[in-house]
C-alpha atoms as a PDB file:
ATOM      1  CA  MET A   1      60.566  82.773 -13.669  1.00  0.00           C
ATOM      2  CA  LYS A   2      58.248  85.518 -14.298  1.00  0.00           C
ATOM      3  CA  LYS A   3      59.991  88.752 -15.569  1.00  0.00           C
ATOM      4  CA  THR A   4      59.554  92.073 -13.732  1.00  0.00           C
ATOM      5  CA  VAL A   5      59.530  95.625 -15.078  1.00  0.00           C
ATOM      6  CA  LEU A   6      63.145  95.878 -14.000  1.00  0.00           C
ATOM      7  CA  ASP A   7      63.936  92.724 -16.187  1.00  0.00           C
ATOM      8  CA  PHE A   8      62.578  94.465 -19.333  1.00  0.00           C
ATOM      9  CA  ARG A   9      64.644  97.556 -18.715  1.00  0.00           C
ATOM     10  CA  ASN A  10      67.721  95.316 -18.253  1.00  0.00           C
ATOM     11  CA  MET A  11      66.999  93.482 -21.531  1.00  0.00           C
ATOM     12  CA  LYS A  12      67.050  96.902 -23.163  1.00  0.00           C
ATOM     13  CA  GLU A  13      70.314  97.700 -21.527  1.00  0.00           C
ATOM     14  CA  ASN A  14      71.944  94.470 -22.684  1.00  0.00           C
ATOM     15  CA  ASP A  15      70.413  94.594 -26.006  1.00  0.00           C
ATOM     16  CA  ILE A  16      68.372  91.509 -25.744  1.00  0.00           C
ATOM     17  CA  GLY A  17      65.204  91.438 -27.862  1.00  0.00           C
ATOM     18  CA  ILE A  18      61.905  91.257 -25.996  1.00  0.00           C
ATOM     19  CA  SER A  19      59.345  88.929 -27.506  1.00  0.00           C
ATOM     20  CA  MET A  20      55.768  89.753 -26.900  1.00  0.00           C
ATOM     21  CA  ILE A  21      52.823  88.022 -28.464  1.00  0.00           C
ATOM     22  CA  THR A  22      49.013  88.258 -28.084  1.00  0.00           C
ATOM     23  CA  ALA A  23      47.024  85.458 -26.469  1.00  0.00           C
ATOM     24  CA  TYR A  24      43.338  85.343 -25.526  1.00  0.00           C
ATOM     25  CA  ASP A  25      42.691  81.889 -23.937  1.00  0.00           C
ATOM     26  CA  TYR A  26      44.018  79.264 -21.705  1.00  0.00           C
ATOM     27  CA  PRO A  27      45.602  76.825 -24.128  1.00  0.00           C
ATOM     28  CA  MET A  28      47.412  79.457 -26.256  1.00  0.00           C
ATOM     29  CA  ALA A  29      48.755  80.948 -23.165  1.00  0.00           C
ATOM     30  CA  GLN A  30      50.191  77.698 -21.931  1.00  0.00           C
ATOM     31  CA  LEU A  31      51.885  77.161 -25.464  1.00  0.00           C
ATOM     32  CA  ALA A  32      53.164  80.706 -25.277  1.00  0.00           C
ATOM     33  CA  GLU A  33      54.813  80.079 -21.919  1.00  0.00           C
ATOM     34  CA  ARG A  34      56.185  76.590 -23.014  1.00  0.00           C
ATOM     35  CA  ALA A  35      57.726  78.531 -25.957  1.00  0.00           C
ATOM     36  CA  GLY A  36      59.458  80.869 -23.788  1.00  0.00           C
ATOM     37  CA  VAL A  37      57.870  84.160 -24.840  1.00  0.00           C
ATOM     38  CA  ASP A  38      58.926  87.156 -22.515  1.00  0.00           C
ATOM     39  CA  CYS A  39      55.426  88.854 -22.510  1.00  0.00           C
ATOM     40  CA  ILE A  40      51.960  88.036 -23.355  1.00  0.00           C
ATOM     41  CA  LEU A  41      49.531  90.900 -24.335  1.00  0.00           C
ATOM     42  CA  VAL A  42      45.887  90.263 -23.888  1.00  0.00           C
ATOM     43  CA  GLY A  43      44.971  92.622 -26.569  1.00  0.00           C
ATOM     44  CA  ASP A  44      41.671  94.142 -27.484  1.00  0.00           C
ATOM     45  CA  SER A  45      42.454  92.942 -31.044  1.00  0.00           C
ATOM     46  CA  LEU A  46      40.487  89.763 -29.749  1.00  0.00           C
ATOM     47  CA  GLY A  47      37.390  91.875 -30.855  1.00  0.00           C
ATOM     48  CA  MET A  48      38.535  91.237 -34.534  1.00  0.00           C
ATOM     49  CA  THR A  49      40.489  87.829 -34.192  1.00  0.00           C
ATOM     50  CA  VAL A  50      38.078  86.086 -31.629  1.00  0.00           C
ATOM     51  CA  LEU A  51      34.779  87.890 -31.536  1.00  0.00           C
ATOM     52  CA  GLY A  52      34.591  88.907 -35.292  1.00  0.00           C
ATOM     53  CA  TYR A  53      34.071  92.522 -35.014  1.00  0.00           C
ATOM     54  CA  GLU A  54      35.259  94.923 -37.628  1.00  0.00           C
ATOM     55  CA  SER A  55      37.368  96.847 -35.066  1.00  0.00           C
ATOM     56  CA  THR A  56      38.418  96.866 -31.491  1.00  0.00           C
ATOM     57  CA  VAL A  57      35.788  99.574 -30.666  1.00  0.00           C
ATOM     58  CA  PRO A  58      33.108  97.147 -29.460  1.00  0.00           C
ATOM     59  CA  VAL A  59      35.404  95.274 -27.011  1.00  0.00           C
ATOM     60  CA  THR A  60      34.067  95.864 -23.336  1.00  0.00           C
ATOM     61  CA  MET A  61      35.824  95.610 -20.015  1.00  0.00           C
ATOM     62  CA  GLU A  62      33.854  92.481 -19.306  1.00  0.00           C
ATOM     63  CA  ASP A  63      35.297  90.912 -22.506  1.00  0.00           C
ATOM     64  CA  MET A  64      38.732  91.820 -21.473  1.00  0.00           C
ATOM     65  CA  LEU A  65      38.414  90.255 -17.888  1.00  0.00           C
ATOM     66  CA  HIS A  66      36.968  87.282 -19.516  1.00  0.00           C
ATOM     67  CA  HIS A  67      40.056  86.764 -21.580  1.00  0.00           C
ATOM     68  CA  THR A  68      42.653  87.940 -19.362  1.00  0.00           C
ATOM     69  CA  ARG A  69      41.549  85.407 -16.572  1.00  0.00           C
ATOM     70  CA  PRO A  70      42.402  82.289 -18.623  1.00  0.00           C
ATOM     71  CA  VAL A  71      45.675  83.655 -20.061  1.00  0.00           C
ATOM     72  CA  CYS A  72      46.851  84.447 -16.466  1.00  0.00           C
ATOM     73  CA  ARG A  73      45.961  80.871 -15.448  1.00  0.00           C
ATOM     74  CA  GLY A  74      47.570  79.284 -18.516  1.00  0.00           C
ATOM     75  CA  ALA A  75      50.837  81.408 -18.229  1.00  0.00           C
ATOM     76  CA  SER A  76      51.351  81.832 -14.621  1.00  0.00           C
ATOM     77  CA  GLN A  77      55.085  82.280 -15.076  1.00  0.00           C
ATOM     78  CA  THR A  78      54.904  84.912 -17.792  1.00  0.00           C
ATOM     79  CA  PHE A  79      54.439  88.623 -17.539  1.00  0.00           C
ATOM     80  CA  VAL A  80      50.762  89.615 -18.696  1.00  0.00           C
ATOM     81  CA  VAL A  81      49.718  92.791 -19.919  1.00  0.00           C
ATOM     82  CA  ALA A  82      46.005  93.599 -20.600  1.00  0.00           C
ATOM     83  CA  ASP A  83      44.476  96.329 -22.863  1.00  0.00           C
ATOM     84  CA  LEU A  84      42.224  98.860 -21.449  1.00  0.00           C
ATOM     85  CA  PRO A  85      39.334  98.775 -23.864  1.00  0.00           C
ATOM     86  CA  PHE A  86      37.827 101.712 -25.758  1.00  0.00           C
ATOM     87  CA  MET A  87      36.011 104.170 -23.272  1.00  0.00           C
ATOM     88  CA  SER A  88      37.363 102.469 -20.215  1.00  0.00           C
ATOM     89  CA  TYR A  89      39.870 105.186 -19.409  1.00  0.00           C
ATOM     90  CA  MET A  90      38.068 108.404 -20.380  1.00  0.00           C
ATOM     91  CA  ASN A  91      39.226 110.041 -17.030  1.00  0.00           C
ATOM     92  CA  VAL A  92      41.541 109.236 -14.041  1.00  0.00           C
ATOM     93  CA  ALA A  93      38.688 107.647 -11.874  1.00  0.00           C
ATOM     94  CA  ASP A  94      37.595 105.409 -14.670  1.00  0.00           C
ATOM     95  CA  THR A  95      41.303 104.395 -15.515  1.00  0.00           C
ATOM     96  CA  LEU A  96      42.182 103.603 -11.990  1.00  0.00           C
ATOM     97  CA  ARG A  97      38.863 101.515 -11.461  1.00  0.00           C
ATOM     98  CA  ASN A  98      39.350  99.501 -14.624  1.00  0.00           C
ATOM     99  CA  SER A  99      42.775  98.998 -14.301  1.00  0.00           C
ATOM    100  CA  GLY A 100      42.571  97.938 -11.000  1.00  0.00           C
ATOM    101  CA  ARG A 101      39.923  95.251 -12.118  1.00  0.00           C
ATOM    102  CA  LEU A 102      42.302  93.967 -14.925  1.00  0.00           C
ATOM    103  CA  VAL A 103      44.975  93.345 -12.254  1.00  0.00           C
ATOM    104  CA  GLN A 104      42.767  92.321  -9.203  1.00  0.00           C
ATOM    105  CA  GLU A 105      40.090  90.196 -10.963  1.00  0.00           C
ATOM    106  CA  GLY A 106      41.908  89.513 -14.240  1.00  0.00           C
ATOM    107  CA  GLY A 107      45.307  88.718 -12.692  1.00  0.00           C
ATOM    108  CA  ALA A 108      47.329  90.955 -15.240  1.00  0.00           C
ATOM    109  CA  ASP A 109      50.668  92.205 -14.262  1.00  0.00           C
ATOM    110  CA  ALA A 110      50.219  95.522 -16.160  1.00  0.00           C
ATOM    111  CA  VAL A 111      47.822  97.551 -18.221  1.00  0.00           C
ATOM    112  CA  LYS A 112      48.292  99.234 -21.604  1.00  0.00           C
ATOM    113  CA  LEU A 113      46.549 102.232 -22.977  1.00  0.00           C
ATOM    114  CA  GLU A 114      46.590 103.960 -26.197  1.00  0.00           C
ATOM    115  CA  GLY A 115      47.542 107.740 -26.822  1.00  0.00           C
ATOM    116  CA  GLY A 116      50.013 110.213 -26.180  1.00  0.00           C
ATOM    117  CA  ARG A 117      50.483 113.192 -24.113  1.00  0.00           C
ATOM    118  CA  ALA A 118      46.869 113.501 -23.308  1.00  0.00           C
ATOM    119  CA  GLN A 119      47.143 110.265 -21.238  1.00  0.00           C
ATOM    120  CA  ILE A 120      49.897 111.535 -18.941  1.00  0.00           C
ATOM    121  CA  HIS A 121      47.856 112.287 -15.999  1.00  0.00           C
ATOM    122  CA  LYS A 122      46.502 108.967 -16.300  1.00  0.00           C
ATOM    123  CA  VAL A 123      49.698 107.191 -16.442  1.00  0.00           C
ATOM    124  CA  ARG A 124      50.945 109.167 -13.246  1.00  0.00           C
ATOM    125  CA  ALA A 125      47.757 108.055 -11.480  1.00  0.00           C
ATOM    126  CA  LEU A 126      48.361 104.459 -12.252  1.00  0.00           C
ATOM    127  CA  ASN A 127      52.080 104.739 -11.136  1.00  0.00           C
ATOM    128  CA  ARG A 128      50.865 106.252  -7.910  1.00  0.00           C
ATOM    129  CA  ALA A 129      48.498 103.355  -7.451  1.00  0.00           C
ATOM    130  CA  GLY A 130      51.174 100.796  -7.998  1.00  0.00           C
ATOM    131  CA  ILE A 131      49.942  99.528 -11.389  1.00  0.00           C
ATOM    132  CA  PRO A 132      52.558  99.285 -14.190  1.00  0.00           C
ATOM    133  CA  VAL A 133      51.726 100.894 -17.281  1.00  0.00           C
ATOM    134  CA  VAL A 134      52.474 100.177 -21.129  1.00  0.00           C
ATOM    135  CA  ALA A 135      51.972 103.098 -23.453  1.00  0.00           C
ATOM    136  CA  HIS A 136      50.901 102.842 -27.034  1.00  0.00           C
ATOM    137  CA  ILE A 137      51.442 105.413 -29.781  1.00  0.00           C
ATOM    138  CA  GLY A 138      51.451 105.681 -33.500  1.00  0.00           C
ATOM    139  CA  LEU A 139      48.555 103.732 -35.091  1.00  0.00           C
ATOM    140  CA  THR A 140      46.110 103.631 -32.128  1.00  0.00           C
ATOM    141  CA  PRO A 141      43.370 101.083 -33.455  1.00  0.00           C
ATOM    142  CA  GLN A 142      40.866 102.464 -30.905  1.00  0.00           C
ATOM    143  CA  THR A 143      40.985 105.958 -32.514  1.00  0.00           C
ATOM    144  CA  ALA A 144      41.985 104.855 -36.084  1.00  0.00           C
ATOM    145  CA  SER A 145      38.995 106.800 -37.594  1.00  0.00           C
ATOM    146  CA  GLN A 146      40.673 109.849 -36.384  1.00  0.00           C
ATOM    147  CA  LEU A 147      43.958 109.043 -37.892  1.00  0.00           C
ATOM    148  CA  GLY A 148      42.572 108.415 -41.392  1.00  0.00           C
ATOM    149  CA  GLY A 149      42.026 104.736 -40.964  1.00  0.00           C
ATOM    150  CA  PHE A 150      44.638 101.875 -40.395  1.00  0.00           C
ATOM    151  CA  LYS A 151      47.565 103.568 -41.885  1.00  0.00           C
ATOM    152  CA  VAL A 152      51.245 104.385 -41.184  1.00  0.00           C
ATOM    153  CA  GLN A 153      51.815 107.225 -38.786  1.00  0.00           C
ATOM    154  CA  GLY A 154      54.606 109.894 -38.190  1.00  0.00           C
ATOM    155  CA  LYS A 155      55.655 109.900 -41.900  1.00  0.00           C
ATOM    156  CA  SER A 156      56.088 113.657 -42.134  1.00  0.00           C
ATOM    157  CA  LEU A 157      58.828 115.490 -39.917  1.00  0.00           C
ATOM    158  CA  ASP A 158      56.175 117.343 -38.000  1.00  0.00           C
ATOM    159  CA  ASP A 159      54.181 114.256 -37.214  1.00  0.00           C
ATOM    160  CA  SER A 160      57.205 112.381 -36.148  1.00  0.00           C
ATOM    161  CA  LEU A 161      58.393 115.045 -33.925  1.00  0.00           C
ATOM    162  CA  VAL A 162      55.021 115.002 -32.207  1.00  0.00           C
ATOM    163  CA  LEU A 163      55.142 111.162 -31.638  1.00  0.00           C
ATOM    164  CA  LEU A 164      58.760 111.665 -30.435  1.00  0.00           C
ATOM    165  CA  GLU A 165      57.823 114.050 -27.744  1.00  0.00           C
ATOM    166  CA  ASP A 166      54.706 111.852 -26.680  1.00  0.00           C
ATOM    167  CA  ALA A 167      57.116 108.937 -26.153  1.00  0.00           C
ATOM    168  CA  LYS A 168      59.428 111.097 -24.091  1.00  0.00           C
ATOM    169  CA  VAL A 169      56.645 112.596 -21.855  1.00  0.00           C
ATOM    170  CA  LEU A 170      55.038 109.128 -21.379  1.00  0.00           C
ATOM    171  CA  GLN A 171      58.269 107.873 -19.994  1.00  0.00           C
ATOM    172  CA  GLU A 172      58.457 110.858 -17.817  1.00  0.00           C
ATOM    173  CA  ALA A 173      55.011 110.230 -16.625  1.00  0.00           C
ATOM    174  CA  GLY A 174      56.000 106.599 -15.549  1.00  0.00           C
ATOM    175  CA  ALA A 175      55.302 104.195 -18.535  1.00  0.00           C
ATOM    176  CA  PHE A 176      57.732 101.340 -18.143  1.00  0.00           C
ATOM    177  CA  MET A 177      57.372 100.150 -21.810  1.00  0.00           C
ATOM    178  CA  ILE A 178      55.871 101.835 -25.106  1.00  0.00           C
ATOM    179  CA  VAL A 179      54.492 100.083 -27.940  1.00  0.00           C
ATOM    180  CA  LEU A 180      55.093 101.695 -31.401  1.00  0.00           C
ATOM    181  CA  GLU A 181      52.566 100.796 -33.965  1.00  0.00           C
ATOM    182  CA  ALA A 182      52.753 101.406 -37.624  1.00  0.00           C
ATOM    183  CA  VAL A 183      55.497 104.092 -37.955  1.00  0.00           C
ATOM    184  CA  PRO A 184      58.393 104.561 -40.231  1.00  0.00           C
ATOM    185  CA  GLU A 185      61.513 102.538 -39.275  1.00  0.00           C
ATOM    186  CA  THR A 186      63.774 105.768 -38.876  1.00  0.00           C
ATOM    187  CA  LEU A 187      61.021 106.989 -36.310  1.00  0.00           C
ATOM    188  CA  GLY A 188      61.045 103.746 -34.420  1.00  0.00           C
ATOM    189  CA  GLU A 189      64.908 103.921 -34.065  1.00  0.00           C
ATOM    190  CA  LYS A 190      65.025 107.405 -32.904  1.00  0.00           C
ATOM    191  CA  ILE A 191      62.333 106.945 -30.330  1.00  0.00           C
ATOM    192  CA  THR A 192      64.264 103.645 -29.151  1.00  0.00           C
ATOM    193  CA  LYS A 193      67.342 105.480 -28.822  1.00  0.00           C
ATOM    194  CA  SER A 194      65.874 108.438 -27.048  1.00  0.00           C
ATOM    195  CA  LEU A 195      64.249 106.523 -24.151  1.00  0.00           C
ATOM    196  CA  SER A 196      65.521 104.567 -21.202  1.00  0.00           C
ATOM    197  CA  ILE A 197      62.487 102.234 -21.255  1.00  0.00           C
ATOM    198  CA  PRO A 198      61.947  99.485 -23.843  1.00  0.00           C
ATOM    199  CA  THR A 199      60.090 100.010 -26.973  1.00  0.00           C
ATOM    200  CA  ILE A 200      58.039  97.186 -28.492  1.00  0.00           C
ATOM    201  CA  GLY A 201      57.419  97.493 -32.277  1.00  0.00           C
ATOM    202  CA  ILE A 202      54.622  96.285 -34.305  1.00  0.00           C
ATOM    203  CA  GLY A 203      55.536  97.686 -37.783  1.00  0.00           C
ATOM    204  CA  ALA A 204      57.913  99.970 -36.271  1.00  0.00           C
ATOM    205  CA  GLY A 205      61.173  98.569 -37.738  1.00  0.00           C
ATOM    206  CA  ARG A 206      64.276  96.504 -36.642  1.00  0.00           C
ATOM    207  CA  GLU A 207      65.626  98.808 -34.066  1.00  0.00           C
ATOM    208  CA  CYS A 208      62.810  98.639 -31.399  1.00  0.00           C
ATOM    209  CA  ASP A 209      63.963  96.781 -28.358  1.00  0.00           C
ATOM    210  CA  GLY A 210      61.215  94.185 -28.890  1.00  0.00           C
ATOM    211  CA  GLN A 211      58.529  93.094 -31.219  1.00  0.00           C
ATOM    212  CA  VAL A 212      54.741  91.962 -30.823  1.00  0.00           C
ATOM    213  CA  LEU A 213      52.587  90.218 -33.196  1.00  0.00           C
ATOM    214  CA  VAL A 214      48.933  88.961 -32.868  1.00  0.00           C
ATOM    215  CA  VAL A 215      49.295  85.235 -32.488  1.00  0.00           C
ATOM    216  CA  HIS A 216      46.608  84.551 -34.985  1.00  0.00           C
ATOM    217  CA  ASP A 217      48.606  86.354 -37.581  1.00  0.00           C
ATOM    218  CA  ILE A 218      51.780  84.346 -36.616  1.00  0.00           C
ATOM    219  CA  LEU A 219      49.843  81.092 -36.911  1.00  0.00           C
ATOM    220  CA  GLY A 220      47.835  81.858 -40.169  1.00  0.00           C
ATOM    221  CA  LEU A 221      44.490  81.811 -38.200  1.00  0.00           C
ATOM    222  CA  PHE A 222      43.092  85.101 -39.302  1.00  0.00           C
ATOM    223  CA  GLU A 223      42.433  85.377 -42.763  1.00  0.00           C
ATOM    224  CA  ARG A 224      40.466  88.693 -43.308  1.00  0.00           C
ATOM    225  CA  PHE A 225      43.652  90.688 -43.974  1.00  0.00           C
ATOM    226  CA  GLN A 226      47.301  90.499 -43.361  1.00  0.00           C
ATOM    227  CA  PRO A 227      49.407  93.811 -42.595  1.00  0.00           C
ATOM    228  CA  LYS A 228      52.651  94.140 -44.198  1.00  0.00           C
ATOM    229  CA  PHE A 229      54.423  94.077 -40.962  1.00  0.00           C
ATOM    230  CA  VAL A 230      53.317  90.450 -40.088  1.00  0.00           C
ATOM    231  CA  LYS A 231      55.537  87.297 -40.653  1.00  0.00           C
ATOM    232  CA  GLN A 232      53.543  84.150 -40.676  1.00  0.00           C
ATOM    233  CA  TYR A 233      55.649  81.546 -39.034  1.00  0.00           C
ATOM    234  CA  ALA A 234      52.924  78.619 -39.685  1.00  0.00           C
ATOM    235  CA  ASN A 235      49.936  78.350 -41.836  1.00  0.00           C
ATOM    236  CA  LEU A 236      47.569  76.421 -39.693  1.00  0.00           C
ATOM    237  CA  GLY A 237      44.187  77.484 -41.083  1.00  0.00           C
ATOM    238  CA  PRO A 238      44.341  74.919 -44.002  1.00  0.00           C
ATOM    239  CA  LEU A 239      45.523  72.108 -41.599  1.00  0.00           C
ATOM    240  CA  ILE A 240      42.737  72.649 -39.383  1.00  0.00           C
ATOM    241  CA  VAL A 241      40.188  72.706 -42.192  1.00  0.00           C
ATOM    242  CA  ASP A 242      41.579  69.616 -43.461  1.00  0.00           C
ATOM    243  CA  ALA A 243      41.225  67.962 -40.110  1.00  0.00           C
ATOM    244  CA  LEU A 244      37.683  68.921 -39.633  1.00  0.00           C
ATOM    245  CA  LYS A 245      36.681  67.819 -43.166  1.00  0.00           C
ATOM    246  CA  GLN A 246      38.215  64.426 -42.307  1.00  0.00           C
ATOM    247  CA  TYR A 247      36.151  64.305 -39.095  1.00  0.00           C
ATOM    248  CA  ASP A 248      33.064  65.424 -40.880  1.00  0.00           C
ATOM    249  CA  GLN A 249      33.428  62.630 -43.541  1.00  0.00           C
ATOM    250  CA  GLU A 250      34.207  59.915 -40.942  1.00  0.00           C
ATOM    251  CA  VAL A 251      31.158  60.756 -39.013  1.00  0.00           C
ATOM    252  CA  LYS A 252      28.970  60.823 -42.117  1.00  0.00           C
ATOM    253  CA  SER A 253      30.279  57.565 -43.211  1.00  0.00           C
ATOM    254  CA  ARG A 254      30.219  56.043 -39.745  1.00  0.00           C
ATOM    255  CA  THR A 255      33.861  55.177 -39.720  1.00  0.00           C
ATOM    256  CA  PHE A 256      34.323  57.199 -36.627  1.00  0.00           C
ATOM    257  CA  PRO A 257      34.357  56.166 -33.795  1.00  0.00           C
ATOM    258  CA  GLU A 258      36.233  52.826 -33.927  1.00  0.00           C
ATOM    259  CA  GLU A 259      36.131  50.309 -31.321  1.00  0.00           C
ATOM    260  CA  LYS A 260      39.276  51.660 -29.643  1.00  0.00           C
ATOM    261  CA  HIS A 261      37.362  54.855 -28.977  1.00  0.00           C
ATOM    262  CA  CYS A 262      34.566  53.135 -27.164  1.00  0.00           C
ATOM    263  CA  PHE A 263      34.101  51.961 -23.436  1.00  0.00           C
ATOM    264  CA  SER A 264      33.085  48.317 -22.659  1.00  0.00           C
ATOM    265  CA  MET A 265      31.210  46.648 -19.716  1.00  0.00           C
ATOM    266  CA  GLU A 266      31.376  43.135 -18.302  1.00  0.00           C
ATOM    267  CA  ALA A 267      30.163  40.667 -20.872  1.00  0.00           C
ATOM    268  CA  GLU A 268      27.296  39.045 -18.664  1.00  0.00           C
ATOM    269  CA  ALA A 269      25.979  42.545 -17.833  1.00  0.00           C
ATOM    270  CA  ALA A 270      26.145  43.514 -21.472  1.00  0.00           C
ATOM    271  CA  LYS A 271      24.281  40.236 -22.434  1.00  0.00           C
ATOM    272  CA  ILE A 272      21.465  40.882 -19.849  1.00  0.00           C
ATOM    273  CA  LEU A 273      21.291  44.505 -20.874  1.00  0.00           C
ATOM    274  CA  LEU A 274      20.768  43.654 -24.585  1.00  0.00           C
ATOM    275  CA  GLU A 275      17.986  41.048 -23.801  1.00  0.00           C
ATOM    276  CA  GLN A 276      16.011  43.696 -22.020  1.00  0.00           C
ATOM    277  CA  PRO A 277      12.768  44.669 -23.798  1.00  0.00           C
END
């Protein structure tokens, strides 16, 4: 049965870890649901893992809708969060319109936006509209260039206190969950214990209420780089290459297809057909 916002809060209260992964298509969403993950994030990380961009910045609303729809069809019993892409929530009106599209057209159960206290009025507006919101602080990939690149955030006392306050005000504004990305474990623990809503860590340590990883990183399908916080549970890339090499060789040598892969017709009809000029 699909979890609700209340279920995630109950999981925090009962100290049950929340599993979240990214997925960007129908077959991966099906597999994630069969595996029993609690939540699927249709992340704008698809820009790098699926579309081949250097960052998440080029991802558009149409990209997000295109990928959110099949994920929701493939995992109809799993809670799905969809990212609001770069420049899609510059003001309240844009935030409401584009979030509404992700829910109404895409089928998402909630939306996620990046940023701290500057996003409070947008979070409040989404709550008034009945759209659940996941906040995202720490390393925010859409604005990584302003943060000095893809680096750990909140390492100094002053910076950590800013992020702690951001988390508190986002909770007060109505976010039901917060993603903490690339922050020191101590800060992840402090924020988690300071909030009544769940925290989902990605490089934020062991004390977060849940964890999220990009499915391509989990399965060894993204080879451009591997962050420190990633654990690779399978290395499917070489297996896929080997399978494709075998296919290529068999086609070139004409050993595929075999008779068992072919369709037949009635012998008499086949004979007449072959005798045709």
